[in-house]
Protein backbone atom coordinates (compact mmCIF):
# COMPACT_ATOMS: atom_id res chain seq x y z
CA MET A 1 0.00 0.00 0.00
CA SER A 2 2.81 2.44 0.87
CA ASP A 3 4.43 1.73 -2.49
CA PHE A 4 1.21 2.64 -4.25
CA VAL A 5 0.93 5.92 -2.29
CA ASN A 6 4.55 6.80 -3.07
CA GLU A 7 3.99 6.08 -6.73
CA VAL A 8 0.92 8.35 -6.79
CA GLU A 9 2.85 11.14 -5.04
CA GLU A 10 5.71 10.81 -7.54
CA THR A 11 3.24 10.98 -10.42
CA LEU A 12 1.53 14.07 -8.99
CA ARG A 13 4.91 15.71 -8.34
CA ALA A 14 6.02 15.04 -11.91
CA GLU A 15 2.78 16.47 -13.27
CA ARG A 16 3.19 19.61 -11.17
CA MET A 17 6.76 20.09 -12.39
CA ALA A 18 5.64 19.58 -15.99
CA SER A 19 2.86 22.12 -15.48
CA ILE A 20 5.29 24.67 -14.02
CA PHE A 21 7.73 24.07 -16.88
CA ARG A 22 4.99 24.59 -19.48
CA ARG A 23 4.08 27.94 -17.86
CA VAL A 24 7.68 29.16 -17.40
CA TRP A 25 9.24 27.88 -20.63
CA PRO A 26 7.73 30.53 -22.99
CA TRP A 27 9.05 33.32 -20.77
CA PHE A 28 12.46 31.72 -20.50
CA ALA A 29 12.61 31.21 -24.26
CA ALA A 30 11.52 34.80 -24.90
CA ALA A 31 14.21 36.14 -22.54
CA LEU A 32 16.85 33.97 -24.20
CA ILE A 33 15.84 35.11 -27.68
CA ALA A 34 15.76 38.77 -26.59
CA THR A 35 19.28 38.44 -25.15
CA ILE A 36 20.61 36.90 -28.35
CA VAL A 37 18.86 39.45 -30.57
CA GLY A 38 20.10 42.31 -28.37
CA TRP A 39 23.69 41.05 -28.53
CA LEU A 40 23.51 40.60 -32.30
CA GLY A 41 21.95 44.05 -32.68
CA ALA A 42 24.70 45.70 -30.61
CA TRP A 43 27.37 43.86 -32.59
CA ALA A 44 25.80 44.89 -35.90
CA TRP A 45 25.48 48.52 -34.79
CA GLN A 46 29.11 48.69 -33.65
CA THR A 47 30.23 47.14 -36.94
CA TRP A 48 28.14 49.59 -38.98
CA ARG A 49 29.35 52.52 -36.86
CA SER A 50 33.01 51.60 -37.36
CA GLN A 51 32.54 51.19 -41.11
CA ASN A 52 30.57 54.45 -41.33
CA ILE A 53 33.26 56.38 -39.44
CA GLY A 54 35.92 54.82 -41.66
CA ARG A 55 34.12 55.95 -44.82
CA ALA A 56 33.58 59.41 -43.33
CA SER A 57 37.28 59.67 -42.52
CA ILE A 58 38.20 58.98 -46.15
CA VAL A 59 35.75 61.60 -47.44
CA TYR A 60 36.94 64.16 -44.90
CA ASP A 61 40.62 63.58 -45.72
CA LYS A 62 39.97 64.01 -49.45
CA ALA A 63 38.09 67.26 -48.84
CA MET A 64 40.91 68.58 -46.65
CA ALA A 65 43.43 67.66 -49.35
CA ALA A 66 41.41 69.68 -51.86
CA LEU A 67 41.25 72.56 -49.39
CA GLU A 68 44.99 72.45 -48.86
CA ALA A 69 45.45 72.58 -52.63
CA GLY A 70 43.36 75.76 -52.76
CA ASP A 71 40.22 74.21 -54.24
CA GLN A 72 37.69 75.68 -51.84
CA ALA A 73 34.70 75.00 -54.09
CA GLY A 74 35.72 71.37 -54.53
CA ALA A 75 36.32 70.92 -50.80
CA PHE A 76 32.92 72.45 -49.99
CA THR A 77 31.20 70.05 -52.40
CA GLN A 78 33.08 67.01 -51.11
CA LEU A 79 32.09 67.86 -47.54
CA GLN A 80 28.41 68.09 -48.43
CA PRO A 81 27.54 64.39 -47.81
CA LEU A 82 29.17 64.54 -44.37
CA ALA A 83 27.44 67.82 -43.59
CA ARG A 84 24.06 66.28 -44.46
CA SER A 85 24.22 62.87 -42.82
CA GLY A 86 27.72 61.99 -41.63
CA PRO A 87 28.56 60.64 -38.16
CA ALA A 88 28.02 63.36 -35.55
CA GLY A 89 31.68 64.23 -35.04
CA TYR A 90 32.51 64.38 -38.75
CA ARG A 91 29.25 66.16 -39.55
CA THR A 92 30.15 68.91 -37.08
CA LEU A 93 33.66 69.27 -38.49
CA ALA A 94 32.35 69.30 -42.06
CA LEU A 95 29.82 72.04 -41.30
CA MET A 96 32.40 74.15 -39.48
CA THR A 97 34.88 73.79 -42.33
CA GLN A 98 32.19 74.75 -44.84
CA ALA A 99 31.41 77.77 -42.67
CA ASP A 100 35.09 78.77 -42.73
CA ILE A 101 35.08 78.49 -46.53
CA ARG A 102 32.00 80.71 -46.81
CA LEU A 103 33.48 83.16 -44.31
CA SER A 104 36.66 83.46 -46.38
CA ALA A 105 34.40 84.45 -49.30
CA ASP A 106 32.71 87.15 -47.15
CA LYS A 107 29.42 85.22 -47.12
CA THR A 108 28.75 86.06 -43.49
CA GLN A 109 25.13 85.01 -43.14
CA GLU A 110 25.71 81.64 -44.80
CA ALA A 111 28.77 81.06 -42.60
CA ALA A 112 26.76 81.86 -39.47
CA SER A 113 24.01 79.48 -40.56
CA LEU A 114 26.52 76.67 -41.10
CA PHE A 115 28.07 77.28 -37.68
CA ASP A 116 24.57 77.12 -36.16
CA GLN A 117 23.98 73.79 -37.89
CA ALA A 118 27.30 72.53 -36.59
CA ALA A 119 26.30 73.47 -33.05
CA LYS A 120 23.05 71.51 -33.39
CA ALA A 121 24.89 68.47 -34.79
CA ALA A 122 27.65 68.58 -32.18
CA PRO A 123 28.22 65.27 -30.35
CA ASN A 124 29.34 66.95 -27.10
CA PRO A 125 29.26 70.31 -25.26
CA ILE A 126 32.79 71.30 -26.35
CA PHE A 127 32.01 71.11 -30.06
CA HIS A 128 28.60 72.72 -29.47
CA ASP A 129 29.98 75.72 -27.61
CA LEU A 130 32.81 76.19 -30.09
CA ALA A 131 30.44 76.22 -33.08
CA ALA A 132 27.93 78.46 -31.29
CA LEU A 133 30.70 80.91 -30.36
CA ARG A 134 31.96 81.02 -33.94
CA ALA A 135 28.43 81.77 -35.18
CA ALA A 136 28.10 84.66 -32.72
CA GLN A 137 31.53 86.05 -33.61
CA VAL A 138 30.68 85.99 -37.30
CA LEU A 139 27.58 88.12 -36.63
CA ILE A 140 29.14 90.47 -34.08
CA ASP A 141 29.31 93.42 -36.50
CA THR A 142 25.74 93.09 -37.78
CA ALA A 143 23.48 91.39 -35.22
CA PRO A 144 21.63 93.56 -32.66
CA LEU A 145 22.75 93.35 -29.03
CA PRO A 146 19.65 91.39 -27.82
CA GLN A 147 20.39 88.67 -30.37
CA MET A 148 24.05 88.57 -29.34
CA THR A 149 23.02 88.30 -25.70
CA VAL A 150 20.77 85.34 -26.49
CA ARG A 151 23.55 83.65 -28.45
CA LEU A 152 26.41 84.28 -26.03
CA GLY A 153 24.63 84.06 -22.66
CA PRO A 154 24.48 80.24 -22.58
CA LEU A 155 28.21 80.05 -23.37
CA ILE A 156 29.19 82.08 -20.28
CA GLY A 157 29.86 80.36 -16.98
CA ALA A 158 32.64 78.91 -14.86
CA ASP A 159 31.97 75.42 -16.26
CA LYS A 160 31.86 76.52 -19.92
CA PRO A 161 34.92 75.73 -22.09
CA PHE A 162 34.84 79.10 -23.92
CA ASP A 163 33.61 81.32 -21.12
CA LEU A 164 36.35 83.95 -21.55
CA GLN A 165 35.91 84.20 -25.33
CA ALA A 166 32.13 84.49 -24.98
CA ARG A 167 32.47 87.23 -22.35
CA GLU A 168 34.83 89.16 -24.60
CA ALA A 169 32.50 88.80 -27.59
CA LEU A 170 29.55 90.05 -25.55
CA ALA A 171 31.56 93.05 -24.33
CA ILE A 172 32.47 93.85 -27.93
CA ALA A 173 28.81 93.52 -28.93
CA LYS A 174 27.95 96.09 -26.25
CA LEU A 175 30.66 98.36 -27.62
CA GLU A 176 29.22 97.98 -31.12
CA ALA A 177 25.78 98.84 -29.72
CA GLY A 178 27.07 102.06 -28.14
CA GLN A 179 27.15 100.82 -24.54
CA THR A 180 30.71 102.04 -24.13
CA ARG A 181 30.83 102.26 -20.34
CA GLN A 182 29.41 98.78 -19.80
CA ALA A 183 31.71 97.36 -22.45
CA ARG A 184 34.72 99.00 -20.80
CA ASP A 185 33.77 97.61 -17.38
CA ASP A 186 33.28 94.11 -18.81
CA LEU A 187 36.59 94.19 -20.66
CA ASN A 188 38.41 95.47 -17.58
CA ALA A 189 36.95 92.66 -15.45
CA LEU A 190 37.83 90.15 -18.15
CA SER A 191 41.44 91.31 -18.34
CA LEU A 192 41.76 90.67 -14.60
CA SER A 193 40.17 87.22 -14.71
CA LEU A 194 42.08 84.07 -13.88
CA GLY A 195 42.96 81.98 -16.90
CA VAL A 196 42.82 84.79 -19.44
CA SER A 197 45.59 84.51 -22.04
CA SER A 198 48.22 87.20 -22.39
CA SER A 199 47.05 87.95 -25.94
CA MET A 200 43.45 88.43 -24.81
CA ARG A 201 44.54 90.58 -21.88
CA GLN A 202 46.65 92.78 -24.14
CA ARG A 203 43.84 93.06 -26.68
CA ASP A 204 41.25 94.00 -24.06
CA GLN A 205 43.56 96.50 -22.39
CA GLY A 206 44.26 98.00 -25.81
CA ILE A 207 40.54 98.44 -26.47
CA ILE A 208 40.11 100.03 -23.03
CA ALA A 209 42.97 102.45 -23.73
CA LEU A 210 41.40 103.45 -27.05
CA ILE A 211 38.02 103.95 -25.39
CA ASP A 212 39.58 106.16 -22.73
CA SER A 213 41.46 108.20 -25.35
CA GLY A 214 38.32 108.71 -27.43
CA GLN A 215 39.87 107.25 -30.58
CA GLY A 216 36.66 105.76 -31.91
CA ALA A 217 38.00 104.93 -35.37
CA ARG A 218 40.84 102.87 -33.97
CA VAL A 219 38.47 101.14 -31.54
CA ALA A 220 36.52 99.90 -34.57
CA GLU A 221 39.68 98.36 -36.00
CA VAL A 222 40.50 96.54 -32.77
CA VAL A 223 36.89 95.43 -32.38
CA LYS A 224 36.98 93.89 -35.84
CA ALA A 225 40.24 92.07 -35.05
CA ALA A 226 38.87 90.84 -31.72
CA ALA A 227 35.75 89.33 -33.31
CA HIS A 228 37.57 86.08 -33.96
CA LEU A 229 38.78 83.21 -31.81
CA PRO A 230 42.26 83.74 -30.37
CA PRO A 231 44.89 81.44 -31.91
CA GLY A 232 44.81 78.03 -30.30
CA ALA A 233 41.18 78.10 -29.13
CA GLU A 234 40.09 75.38 -31.57
CA ALA A 235 43.16 73.36 -30.62
CA GLN A 236 42.05 73.73 -27.00
CA ALA A 237 38.65 72.32 -27.92
CA MET A 238 40.19 69.34 -29.68
CA LYS A 239 42.50 68.70 -26.71
CA LEU A 240 39.58 68.73 -24.27
CA LEU A 241 37.58 66.51 -26.60
CA SER A 242 40.40 64.00 -27.04
CA GLU A 243 40.88 63.78 -23.28
CA ALA A 244 37.18 63.10 -22.79
CA GLN A 245 36.44 60.79 -25.73
CA GLY A 246 39.67 59.73 -27.38
CA PRO A 247 41.53 61.06 -30.43
CA SER A 248 39.73 63.32 -32.89
CA PRO A 249 40.85 65.63 -35.68
CA ALA A 250 40.88 69.36 -35.24
CA PRO A 251 38.56 71.24 -37.60
CA ALA A 252 40.69 72.47 -40.47
CA GLY A 253 40.17 75.86 -42.00
CA PRO A 254 41.12 76.84 -45.54
CA GLY A 255 44.71 75.90 -46.22
CA THR A 256 45.01 73.63 -43.18
CA ALA A 257 46.13 70.04 -43.58
CA PRO A 258 43.83 67.49 -41.90
CA PRO A 259 45.03 65.15 -39.18
CA ALA A 260 44.65 61.45 -39.76
CA THR A 261 42.74 60.53 -36.61
CA ALA A 262 38.97 60.18 -36.49
CA PRO A 263 36.62 62.17 -34.23
CA ALA A 264 34.54 60.61 -31.49
CA THR A 265 30.89 60.40 -32.53
């Protein structure tokens, strides 16, 4: 009798286990399939990304070679596919280089528009702020002060990579708008700031001296010269970017040879 009872219990236990397995198995299978599909998807995306960056690097290098050879129109055209739909890093560099080409041809509005597009496409805050600053500097002689304030305000702050350059540009915009006293005060404070370069300090002190002497015509000349990034600012951006995300090429302007490394995207 005890053998019969044990056999019944074993049968019931086996049926319960089979029932549990039938309920759990679909979920287990679904989780297993999702894991495999996810891994394959990640592998495929990484493979596509590497290939896409490789192709973008070739296109970018060819465009920079054309630019170095003096063929600005050809370089602009070759950069167009990257500017439309390239990987984020290369798209930003392509748009900024196109903007430099248009700026060298005195097409200010088109250059500013391209810099704005580069800022929107930027893969990180460093590239974004650099492109946004360049756009503002291009328009500094023509845009009204409220527009310049809107453009430059977000670039100012202790944690912003181009805080000093943005503060200088805004002070110059105030000077262009006739707010001489405020511009002078801002430039004086900037010249005393920690981290300001010797070239920027000398430039700002020169503008202050011209303001104090009343030489308005010469102030205009210095203002025009100061409406551009100080030498090395783009290199600073690339250095910060490379430290954060690995090697990347510096944006090359007309006549600048491209580096061989690829940007982070």
